Amino acid sequence: MAAIQEFEITYQGLSATVAEHSLKHGRVFHIDFAQPTMMPLVITVAYDSDDKKFWTSIPEGRQELAEEVGKLVAGYIRNKKKEICVTTTVKKSPVLSLFD
């Protein structure tokens, strides 16, 4: 399965590589930590019984780490969207518009 995008985050002062993958019903993120003693982590967003979103590991069992790293992944994606959503306009025609 090819990654949609790859990027780096910093976790506990060390670099971690994140690869985003798309599945039929959502996205998963595969994280490889620079620290050799840390096993790779796969996380996704899930919903609890009150329909509240939370980060979870796949397979379950590394919940605390999933929450911490998930916040960093979400922060990166939010910042990336802000960069992409900048709109600029250039007036190309000497003809007056309705707004002039």
PDB file of N, CA and C in Angstrom:
ATOM      1  N   MET A   1       0.846  -1.165   0.000  1.00  0.00           N
ATOM      2  CA  MET A   1       0.000   0.000   0.000  1.00  0.00           C
ATOM      3  C   MET A   1       0.898   1.236   0.000  1.00  0.00           C
ATOM      4  N   ALA A   2       0.757   2.075  -0.989  1.00  0.00           N
ATOM      5  CA  ALA A   2       1.589   3.265  -1.122  1.00  0.00           C
ATOM      6  C   ALA A   2       1.103   4.364  -0.186  1.00  0.00           C
ATOM      7  N   ALA A   3       2.030   5.141   0.311  1.00  0.00           N
ATOM      8  CA  ALA A   3       1.697   6.250   1.205  1.00  0.00           C
ATOM      9  C   ALA A   3       1.126   7.413   0.408  1.00  0.00           C
ATOM     10  N   ILE A   4       0.109   8.061   0.971  1.00  0.00           N
ATOM     11  CA  ILE A   4      -0.449   9.279   0.378  1.00  0.00           C
ATOM     12  C   ILE A   4       0.552  10.404   0.528  1.00  0.00           C
ATOM     13  N   GLN A   5       1.097  10.502   1.730  1.00  0.00           N
ATOM     14  CA  GLN A   5       2.122  11.510   1.992  1.00  0.00           C
ATOM     15  C   GLN A   5       3.016  11.014   3.117  1.00  0.00           C
ATOM     16  N   GLU A   6       4.222  11.536   3.143  1.00  0.00           N
ATOM     17  CA  GLU A   6       5.157  11.241   4.220  1.00  0.00           C
ATOM     18  C   GLU A   6       5.675  12.561   4.752  1.00  0.00           C
ATOM     19  N   PHE A   7       5.869  12.616   6.069  1.00  0.00           N
ATOM     20  CA  PHE A   7       6.381  13.827   6.693  1.00  0.00           C
ATOM     21  C   PHE A   7       7.063  13.443   7.999  1.00  0.00           C
ATOM     22  N   GLU A   8       7.719  14.425   8.612  1.00  0.00           N
ATOM     23  CA  GLU A   8       8.434  14.169   9.855  1.00  0.00           C
ATOM     24  C   GLU A   8       7.838  14.990  10.974  1.00  0.00           C
ATOM     25  N   ILE A   9       7.809  14.404  12.158  1.00  0.00           N
ATOM     26  CA  ILE A   9       7.412  15.098  13.375  1.00  0.00           C
ATOM     27  C   ILE A   9       8.529  14.902  14.389  1.00  0.00           C
ATOM     28  N   THR A  10       8.474  15.669  15.456  1.00  0.00           N
ATOM     29  CA  THR A  10       9.445  15.497  16.536  1.00  0.00           C
ATOM     30  C   THR A  10       8.700  14.983  17.758  1.00  0.00           C
ATOM     31  N   TYR A  11       9.126  13.836  18.254  1.00  0.00           N
ATOM     32  CA  TYR A  11       8.529  13.244  19.442  1.00  0.00           C
ATOM     33  C   TYR A  11       9.629  13.044  20.480  1.00  0.00           C
ATOM     34  N   GLN A  12       9.459  13.647  21.633  1.00  0.00           N
ATOM     35  CA  GLN A  12      10.433  13.584  22.722  1.00  0.00           C
ATOM     36  C   GLN A  12      11.832  13.975  22.257  1.00  0.00           C
ATOM     37  N   GLY A  13      11.889  15.010  21.442  1.00  0.00           N
ATOM     38  CA  GLY A  13      13.162  15.546  20.979  1.00  0.00           C
ATOM     39  C   GLY A  13      13.822  14.777  19.850  1.00  0.00           C
ATOM     40  N   LEU A  14      13.182  13.710  19.381  1.00  0.00           N
ATOM     41  CA  LEU A  14      13.747  12.907  18.298  1.00  0.00           C
ATOM     42  C   LEU A  14      12.807  12.906  17.095  1.00  0.00           C
ATOM     43  N   SER A  15      13.389  12.737  15.942  1.00  0.00           N
ATOM     44  CA  SER A  15      12.624  12.703  14.706  1.00  0.00           C
ATOM     45  C   SER A  15      11.838  11.407  14.571  1.00  0.00           C
ATOM     46  N   ALA A  16      10.655  11.523  13.963  1.00  0.00           N
ATOM     47  CA  ALA A  16       9.851  10.335  13.664  1.00  0.00           C
ATOM     48  C   ALA A  16       9.258  10.542  12.271  1.00  0.00           C
ATOM     49  N   THR A  17       9.319   9.525  11.436  1.00  0.00           N
ATOM     50  CA  THR A  17       8.771   9.587  10.087  1.00  0.00           C
ATOM     51  C   THR A  17       7.344   9.055  10.100  1.00  0.00           C
ATOM     52  N   VAL A  18       6.441   9.836   9.500  1.00  0.00           N
ATOM     53  CA  VAL A  18       5.028   9.471   9.459  1.00  0.00           C
ATOM     54  C   VAL A  18       4.635   9.231   8.003  1.00  0.00           C
ATOM     55  N   ALA A  19       3.984   8.114   7.748  1.00  0.00           N
ATOM     56  CA  ALA A  19       3.457   7.808   6.410  1.00  0.00           C
ATOM     57  C   ALA A  19       1.939   7.667   6.538  1.00  0.00           C
ATOM     58  N   GLU A  20       1.216   8.466   5.766  1.00  0.00           N
ATOM     59  CA  GLU A  20      -0.246   8.412   5.785  1.00  0.00           C
ATOM     60  C   GLU A  20      -0.736   7.468   4.690  1.00  0.00           C
ATOM     61  N   HIS A  21      -1.658   6.586   5.055  1.00  0.00           N
ATOM     62  CA  HIS A  21      -2.241   5.642   4.108  1.00  0.00           C
ATOM     63  C   HIS A  21      -3.753   5.780   4.140  1.00  0.00           C
ATOM     64  N   SER A  22      -4.378   5.604   2.994  1.00  0.00           N
ATOM     65  CA  SER A  22      -5.834   5.689   2.901  1.00  0.00           C
ATOM     66  C   SER A  22      -6.428   4.290   2.829  1.00  0.00           C
ATOM     67  N   LEU A  23      -7.453   4.062   3.634  1.00  0.00           N
ATOM     68  CA  LEU A  23      -8.195   2.812   3.609  1.00  0.00           C
ATOM     69  C   LEU A  23      -9.619   3.113   3.161  1.00  0.00           C
ATOM     70  N   LYS A  24     -10.392   2.091   2.967  1.00  0.00           N
ATOM     71  CA  LYS A  24     -11.763   2.272   2.484  1.00  0.00           C
ATOM     72  C   LYS A  24     -12.579   3.196   3.391  1.00  0.00           C
ATOM     73  N   HIS A  25     -12.405   3.080   4.693  1.00  0.00           N
ATOM     74  CA  HIS A  25     -13.224   3.851   5.627  1.00  0.00           C
ATOM     75  C   HIS A  25     -12.409   4.804   6.494  1.00  0.00           C
ATOM     76  N   GLY A  26     -11.278   5.241   6.043  1.00  0.00           N
ATOM     77  CA  GLY A  26     -10.504   6.186   6.839  1.00  0.00           C
ATOM     78  C   GLY A  26      -9.036   6.207   6.478  1.00  0.00           C
ATOM     79  N   ARG A  27      -8.278   6.804   7.386  1.00  0.00           N
ATOM     80  CA  ARG A  27      -6.836   6.939   7.188  1.00  0.00           C
ATOM     81  C   ARG A  27      -6.108   6.303   8.357  1.00  0.00           C
ATOM     82  N   VAL A  28      -4.943   5.794   8.077  1.00  0.00           N
ATOM     83  CA  VAL A  28      -4.054   5.306   9.129  1.00  0.00           C
ATOM     84  C   VAL A  28      -2.693   5.965   8.933  1.00  0.00           C
ATOM     85  N   PHE A  29      -1.964   6.069  10.029  1.00  0.00           N
ATOM     86  CA  PHE A  29      -0.649   6.692   9.999  1.00  0.00           C
ATOM     87  C   PHE A  29       0.354   5.713  10.596  1.00  0.00           C
ATOM     88  N   HIS A  30       1.408   5.432   9.843  1.00  0.00           N
ATOM     89  CA  HIS A  30       2.467   4.527  10.282  1.00  0.00           C
ATOM     90  C   HIS A  30       3.642   5.397  10.708  1.00  0.00           C
ATOM     91  N   ILE A  31       4.032   5.258  11.963  1.00  0.00           N
ATOM     92  CA  ILE A  31       5.102   6.096  12.508  1.00  0.00           C
ATOM     93  C   ILE A  31       6.317   5.240  12.803  1.00  0.00           C
ATOM     94  N   ASP A  32       7.462   5.645  12.238  1.00  0.00           N
ATOM     95  CA  ASP A  32       8.758   5.014  12.532  1.00  0.00           C
ATOM     96  C   ASP A  32       9.559   6.002  13.364  1.00  0.00           C
ATOM     97  N   PHE A  33       9.905   5.599  14.566  1.00  0.00           N
ATOM     98  CA  PHE A  33      10.651   6.462  15.480  1.00  0.00           C
ATOM     99  C   PHE A  33      12.143   6.331  15.245  1.00  0.00           C
ATOM    100  N   ALA A  34      12.869   7.430  15.437  1.00  0.00           N
ATOM    101  CA  ALA A  34      14.324   7.414  15.271  1.00  0.00           C
ATOM    102  C   ALA A  34      14.988   6.631  16.401  1.00  0.00           C
ATOM    103  N   GLN A  35      14.329   6.594  17.548  1.00  0.00           N
ATOM    104  CA  GLN A  35      14.876   5.858  18.687  1.00  0.00           C
ATOM    105  C   GLN A  35      14.748   4.358  18.422  1.00  0.00           C
ATOM    106  N   PRO A  36      15.862   3.639  18.336  1.00  0.00           N
ATOM    107  CA  PRO A  36      15.826   2.226  17.954  1.00  0.00           C
ATOM    108  C   PRO A  36      15.050   1.329  18.916  1.00  0.00           C
ATOM    109  N   THR A  37      14.894   1.733  20.166  1.00  0.00           N
ATOM    110  CA  THR A  37      14.185   0.897  21.132  1.00  0.00           C
ATOM    111  C   THR A  37      12.661   1.028  21.021  1.00  0.00           C
ATOM    112  N   MET A  38      12.184   2.000  20.259  1.00  0.00           N
ATOM    113  CA  MET A  38      10.733   2.187  20.098  1.00  0.00           C
ATOM    114  C   MET A  38      10.246   1.464  18.852  1.00  0.00           C
ATOM    115  N   MET A  39       9.282   0.592  19.048  1.00  0.00           N
ATOM    116  CA  MET A  39       8.690  -0.144  17.928  1.00  0.00           C
ATOM    117  C   MET A  39       7.845   0.813  17.085  1.00  0.00           C
ATOM    118  N   PRO A  40       7.725   0.554  15.776  1.00  0.00           N
ATOM    119  CA  PRO A  40       6.847   1.377  14.947  1.00  0.00           C
ATOM    120  C   PRO A  40       5.419   1.358  15.496  1.00  0.00           C
ATOM    121  N   LEU A  41       4.667   2.400  15.162  1.00  0.00           N
ATOM    122  CA  LEU A  41       3.307   2.562  15.673  1.00  0.00           C
ATOM    123  C   LEU A  41       2.371   2.852  14.508  1.00  0.00           C
ATOM    124  N   VAL A  42       1.188   2.243  14.523  1.00  0.00           N
ATOM    125  CA  VAL A  42       0.144   2.541  13.542  1.00  0.00           C
ATOM    126  C   VAL A  42      -1.033   3.103  14.324  1.00  0.00           C
ATOM    127  N   ILE A  43      -1.503   4.300  13.906  1.00  0.00           N
ATOM    128  CA  ILE A  43      -2.606   4.946  14.612  1.00  0.00           C
ATOM    129  C   ILE A  43      -3.690   5.383  13.632  1.00  0.00           C
ATOM    130  N   THR A  44      -4.872   5.585  14.166  1.00  0.00           N
ATOM    131  CA  THR A  44      -5.992   6.100  13.391  1.00  0.00           C
ATOM    132  C   THR A  44      -6.925   6.844  14.329  1.00  0.00           C
ATOM    133  N   VAL A  45      -7.857   7.586  13.755  1.00  0.00           N
ATOM    134  CA  VAL A  45      -8.881   8.269  14.548  1.00  0.00           C
ATOM    135  C   VAL A  45     -10.085   7.345  14.654  1.00  0.00           C
ATOM    136  N   ALA A  46     -10.591   7.179  15.872  1.00  0.00           N
ATOM    137  CA  ALA A  46     -11.778   6.355  16.116  1.00  0.00           C
ATOM    138  C   ALA A  46     -12.806   7.222  16.853  1.00  0.00           C
ATOM    139  N   TYR A  47     -13.993   6.667  17.023  1.00  0.00           N
ATOM    140  CA  TYR A  47     -15.065   7.375  17.719  1.00  0.00           C
ATOM    141  C   TYR A  47     -15.527   6.553  18.908  1.00  0.00           C
ATOM    142  N   ASP A  48     -15.751   7.229  20.059  1.00  0.00           N
ATOM    143  CA  ASP A  48     -16.257   6.519  21.227  1.00  0.00           C
ATOM    144  C   ASP A  48     -17.784   6.437  21.175  1.00  0.00           C
ATOM    145  N   SER A  49     -18.400   5.914  22.222  1.00  0.00           N
ATOM    146  CA  SER A  49     -19.857   5.716  22.238  1.00  0.00           C
ATOM    147  C   SER A  49     -20.630   7.030  22.203  1.00  0.00           C
ATOM    148  N   ASP A  50     -19.968   8.138  22.553  1.00  0.00           N
ATOM    149  CA  ASP A  50     -20.603   9.462  22.482  1.00  0.00           C
ATOM    150  C   ASP A  50     -20.263  10.187  21.185  1.00  0.00           C
ATOM    151  N   ASP A  51     -19.707   9.468  20.225  1.00  0.00           N
ATOM    152  CA  ASP A  51     -19.318  10.005  18.924  1.00  0.00           C
ATOM    153  C   ASP A  51     -18.192  11.043  19.017  1.00  0.00           C
ATOM    154  N   LYS A  52     -17.384  10.938  20.059  1.00  0.00           N
ATOM    155  CA  LYS A  52     -16.239  11.823  20.235  1.00  0.00           C
ATOM    156  C   LYS A  52     -15.002  11.163  19.625  1.00  0.00           C
ATOM    157  N   LYS A  53     -14.227  11.940  18.843  1.00  0.00           N
ATOM    158  CA  LYS A  53     -13.031  11.417  18.194  1.00  0.00           C
ATOM    159  C   LYS A  53     -11.897  11.213  19.207  1.00  0.00           C
ATOM    160  N   PHE A  54     -11.082  10.182  18.959  1.00  0.00           N
ATOM    161  CA  PHE A  54      -9.867   9.977  19.731  1.00  0.00           C
ATOM    162  C   PHE A  54      -8.876   9.191  18.886  1.00  0.00           C
ATOM    163  N   TRP A  55      -7.594   9.345  19.199  1.00  0.00           N
ATOM    164  CA  TRP A  55      -6.541   8.598  18.513  1.00  0.00           C
ATOM    165  C   TRP A  55      -6.387   7.245  19.190  1.00  0.00           C
ATOM    166  N   THR A  56      -6.212   6.208  18.379  1.00  0.00           N
ATOM    167  CA  THR A  56      -6.003   4.870  18.926  1.00  0.00           C
ATOM    168  C   THR A  56      -4.950   4.139  18.105  1.00  0.00           C
ATOM    169  N   SER A  57      -4.309   3.176  18.745  1.00  0.00           N
ATOM    170  CA  SER A  57      -3.286   2.384  18.049  1.00  0.00           C
ATOM    171  C   SER A  57      -3.925   1.151  17.428  1.00  0.00           C
ATOM    172  N   ILE A  58      -3.278   0.666  16.390  1.00  0.00           N
ATOM    173  CA  ILE A  58      -3.701  -0.579  15.732  1.00  0.00           C
ATOM    174  C   ILE A  58      -2.489  -1.511  15.748  1.00  0.00           C
ATOM    175  N   PRO A  59      -2.566  -2.648  16.405  1.00  0.00           N
ATOM    176  CA  PRO A  59      -3.649  -3.091  17.275  1.00  0.00           C
ATOM    177  C   PRO A  59      -3.678  -2.247  18.539  1.00  0.00           C
ATOM    178  N   GLU A  60      -4.789  -2.324  19.267  1.00  0.00           N
ATOM    179  CA  GLU A  60      -4.929  -1.558  20.499  1.00  0.00           C
ATOM    180  C   GLU A  60      -3.889  -2.015  21.522  1.00  0.00           C
ATOM    181  N   GLY A  61      -3.604  -1.154  22.469  1.00  0.00           N
ATOM    182  CA  GLY A  61      -2.646  -1.515  23.511  1.00  0.00           C
ATOM    183  C   GLY A  61      -1.601  -0.447  23.769  1.00  0.00           C
ATOM    184  N   ARG A  62      -1.458   0.493  22.845  1.00  0.00           N
ATOM    185  CA  ARG A  62      -0.481   1.570  23.022  1.00  0.00           C
ATOM    186  C   ARG A  62      -1.214   2.912  23.001  1.00  0.00           C
ATOM    187  N   GLN A  63      -2.327   2.952  23.749  1.00  0.00           N
ATOM    188  CA  GLN A  63      -3.244   4.078  23.716  1.00  0.00           C
ATOM    189  C   GLN A  63      -2.587   5.405  24.092  1.00  0.00           C
ATOM    190  N   GLU A  64      -1.834   5.419  25.166  1.00  0.00           N
ATOM    191  CA  GLU A  64      -1.211   6.666  25.620  1.00  0.00           C
ATOM    192  C   GLU A  64      -0.273   7.228  24.551  1.00  0.00           C
ATOM    193  N   LEU A  65       0.549   6.370  23.972  1.00  0.00           N
ATOM    194  CA  LEU A  65       1.451   6.795  22.914  1.00  0.00           C
ATOM    195  C   LEU A  65       0.675   7.261  21.687  1.00  0.00           C
ATOM    196  N   ALA A  66      -0.397   6.551  21.350  1.00  0.00           N
ATOM    197  CA  ALA A  66      -1.231   6.933  20.198  1.00  0.00           C
ATOM    198  C   ALA A  66      -1.816   8.328  20.388  1.00  0.00           C
ATOM    199  N   GLU A  67      -2.289   8.646  21.588  1.00  0.00           N
ATOM    200  CA  GLU A  67      -2.849   9.972  21.873  1.00  0.00           C
ATOM    201  C   GLU A  67      -1.778  11.058  21.731  1.00  0.00           C
ATOM    202  N   GLU A  68      -0.592  10.811  22.288  1.00  0.00           N
ATOM    203  CA  GLU A  68       0.489  11.802  22.233  1.00  0.00           C
ATOM    204  C   GLU A  68       0.939  12.053  20.792  1.00  0.00           C
ATOM    205  N   VAL A  69       1.221  10.988  20.075  1.00  0.00           N
ATOM    206  CA  VAL A  69       1.718  11.110  18.700  1.00  0.00           C
ATOM    207  C   VAL A  69       0.604  11.610  17.774  1.00  0.00           C
ATOM    208  N   GLY A  70      -0.628  11.172  18.018  1.00  0.00           N
ATOM    209  CA  GLY A  70      -1.760  11.615  17.211  1.00  0.00           C
ATOM    210  C   GLY A  70      -1.932  13.122  17.239  1.00  0.00           C
ATOM    211  N   LYS A  71      -1.734  13.731  18.392  1.00  0.00           N
ATOM    212  CA  LYS A  71      -1.826  15.195  18.501  1.00  0.00           C
ATOM    213  C   LYS A  71      -0.768  15.874  17.644  1.00  0.00           C
ATOM    214  N   LEU A  72       0.416  15.298  17.601  1.00  0.00           N
ATOM    215  CA  LEU A  72       1.491  15.862  16.770  1.00  0.00           C
ATOM    216  C   LEU A  72       1.163  15.718  15.284  1.00  0.00           C
ATOM    217  N   VAL A  73       0.622  14.570  14.902  1.00  0.00           N
ATOM    218  CA  VAL A  73       0.225  14.334  13.504  1.00  0.00           C
ATOM    219  C   VAL A  73      -0.876  15.315  13.115  1.00  0.00           C
ATOM    220  N   ALA A  74      -1.886  15.464  13.967  1.00  0.00           N
ATOM    221  CA  ALA A  74      -2.992  16.389  13.687  1.00  0.00           C
ATOM    222  C   ALA A  74      -2.485  17.820  13.561  1.00  0.00           C
ATOM    223  N   GLY A  75      -1.562  18.206  14.427  1.00  0.00           N
ATOM    224  CA  GLY A  75      -0.986  19.549  14.357  1.00  0.00           C
ATOM    225  C   GLY A  75      -0.262  19.781  13.043  1.00  0.00           C
ATOM    226  N   TYR A  76       0.500  18.796  12.604  1.00  0.00           N
ATOM    227  CA  TYR A  76       1.206  18.918  11.325  1.00  0.00           C
ATOM    228  C   TYR A  76       0.205  19.087  10.183  1.00  0.00           C
ATOM    229  N   ILE A  77      -0.836  18.256  10.155  1.00  0.00           N
ATOM    230  CA  ILE A  77      -1.817  18.308   9.072  1.00  0.00           C
ATOM    231  C   ILE A  77      -2.567  19.636   9.086  1.00  0.00           C
ATOM    232  N   ARG A  78      -2.952  20.118  10.268  1.00  0.00           N
ATOM    233  CA  ARG A  78      -3.637  21.416  10.359  1.00  0.00           C
ATOM    234  C   ARG A  78      -2.760  22.538   9.818  1.00  0.00           C
ATOM    235  N   ASN A  79      -1.488  22.549  10.217  1.00  0.00           N
ATOM    236  CA  ASN A  79      -0.570  23.594   9.739  1.00  0.00           C
ATOM    237  C   ASN A  79      -0.359  23.500   8.238  1.00  0.00           C
ATOM    238  N   LYS A  80      -0.293  22.295   7.713  1.00  0.00           N
ATOM    239  CA  LYS A  80      -0.109  22.090   6.270  1.00  0.00           C
ATOM    240  C   LYS A  80      -1.313  22.632   5.506  1.00  0.00           C
ATOM    241  N   LYS A  81      -2.528  22.383   6.018  1.00  0.00           N
ATOM    242  CA  LYS A  81      -3.743  22.890   5.358  1.00  0.00           C
ATOM    243  C   LYS A  81      -3.769  24.409   5.349  1.00  0.00           C
ATOM    244  N   LYS A  82      -3.296  25.034   6.420  1.00  0.00           N
ATOM    245  CA  LYS A  82      -3.253  26.499   6.473  1.00  0.00           C
ATOM    246  C   LYS A  82      -2.337  27.041   5.384  1.00  0.00           C
ATOM    247  N   GLU A  83      -1.221  26.370   5.156  1.00  0.00           N
ATOM    248  CA  GLU A  83      -0.285  26.798   4.116  1.00  0.00           C
ATOM    249  C   GLU A  83      -0.909  26.676   2.730  1.00  0.00           C
ATOM    250  N   ILE A  84      -1.653  25.613   2.505  1.00  0.00           N
ATOM    251  CA  ILE A  84      -2.252  25.352   1.200  1.00  0.00           C
ATOM    252  C   ILE A  84      -3.429  26.279   0.914  1.00  0.00           C
ATOM    253  N   CYS A  85      -4.149  26.698   1.940  1.00  0.00           N
ATOM    254  CA  CYS A  85      -5.392  27.439   1.756  1.00  0.00           C
ATOM    255  C   CYS A  85      -5.206  28.941   1.562  1.00  0.00           C
ATOM    256  N   VAL A  86      -4.008  29.380   1.293  1.00  0.00           N
ATOM    257  CA  VAL A  86      -3.781  30.793   1.043  1.00  0.00           C
ATOM    258  C   VAL A  86      -4.249  31.111  -0.368  1.00  0.00           C
ATOM    259  N   THR A  87      -5.063  32.161  -0.494  1.00  0.00           N
ATOM    260  CA  THR A  87      -5.594  32.549  -1.796  1.00  0.00           C
ATOM    261  C   THR A  87      -5.057  33.922  -2.164  1.00  0.00           C
ATOM    262  N   THR A  88      -4.583  34.037  -3.381  1.00  0.00           N
ATOM    263  CA  THR A  88      -4.150  35.341  -3.889  1.00  0.00           C
ATOM    264  C   THR A  88      -4.873  35.609  -5.193  1.00  0.00           C
ATOM    265  N   THR A  89      -5.126  36.863  -5.441  1.00  0.00           N
ATOM    266  CA  THR A  89      -5.766  37.236  -6.694  1.00  0.00           C
ATOM    267  C   THR A  89      -4.935  38.319  -7.369  1.00  0.00           C
ATOM    268  N   VAL A  90      -4.886  38.246  -8.659  1.00  0.00           N
ATOM    269  CA  VAL A  90      -4.172  39.232  -9.454  1.00  0.00           C
ATOM    270  C   VAL A  90      -5.149  39.737 -10.498  1.00  0.00           C
ATOM    271  N   LYS A  91      -5.255  41.053 -10.583  1.00  0.00           N
ATOM    272  CA  LYS A  91      -6.150  41.627 -11.572  1.00  0.00           C
ATOM    273  C   LYS A  91      -5.467  41.528 -12.930  1.00  0.00           C
ATOM    274  N   LYS A  92      -6.095  40.787 -13.844  1.00  0.00           N
ATOM    275  CA  LYS A  92      -5.494  40.534 -15.142  1.00  0.00           C
ATOM    276  C   LYS A  92      -6.053  41.444 -16.227  1.00  0.00           C
ATOM    277  N   SER A  93      -7.197  42.022 -15.985  1.00  0.00           N
ATOM    278  CA  SER A  93      -7.851  42.802 -17.020  1.00  0.00           C
ATOM    279  C   SER A  93      -7.918  44.271 -16.607  1.00  0.00           C
ATOM    280  N   PRO A  94      -7.674  45.200 -17.554  1.00  0.00           N
ATOM    281  CA  PRO A  94      -7.787  46.621 -17.227  1.00  0.00           C
ATOM    282  C   PRO A  94      -9.265  47.062 -17.088  1.00  0.00           C
ATOM    283  N   VAL A  95     -10.180  46.175 -17.412  1.00  0.00           N
ATOM    284  CA  VAL A  95     -11.599  46.520 -17.316  1.00  0.00           C
ATOM    285  C   VAL A  95     -12.014  46.531 -15.852  1.00  0.00           C
ATOM    286  N   LEU A  96     -12.785  47.552 -15.471  1.00  0.00           N
ATOM    287  CA  LEU A  96     -13.239  47.655 -14.092  1.00  0.00           C
ATOM    288  C   LEU A  96     -14.199  46.522 -13.769  1.00  0.00           C
ATOM    289  N   SER A  97     -14.091  46.020 -12.566  1.00  0.00           N
ATOM    290  CA  SER A  97     -15.012  44.981 -12.132  1.00  0.00           C
ATOM    291  C   SER A  97     -16.119  45.629 -11.299  1.00  0.00           C
ATOM    292  N   LEU A  98     -17.062  44.842 -10.874  1.00  0.00           N
ATOM    293  CA  LEU A  98     -18.127  45.347 -10.029  1.00  0.00           C
ATOM    294  C   LEU A  98     -17.631  45.830  -8.670  1.00  0.00           C
ATOM    295  N   PHE A  99     -16.449  45.413  -8.294  1.00  0.00           N
ATOM    296  CA  PHE A  99     -15.914  45.748  -6.990  1.00  0.00           C
ATOM    297  C   PHE A  99     -14.956  46.930  -7.020  1.00  0.00           C
ATOM    298  N   ASP A 100     -14.715  47.525  -8.152  1.00  0.00           N
ATOM    299  CA  ASP A 100     -13.780  48.664  -8.245  1.00  0.00           C
ATOM    300  C   ASP A 100     -14.501  49.973  -7.969  1.00  0.00           C
TER     301      ASP A 100
END
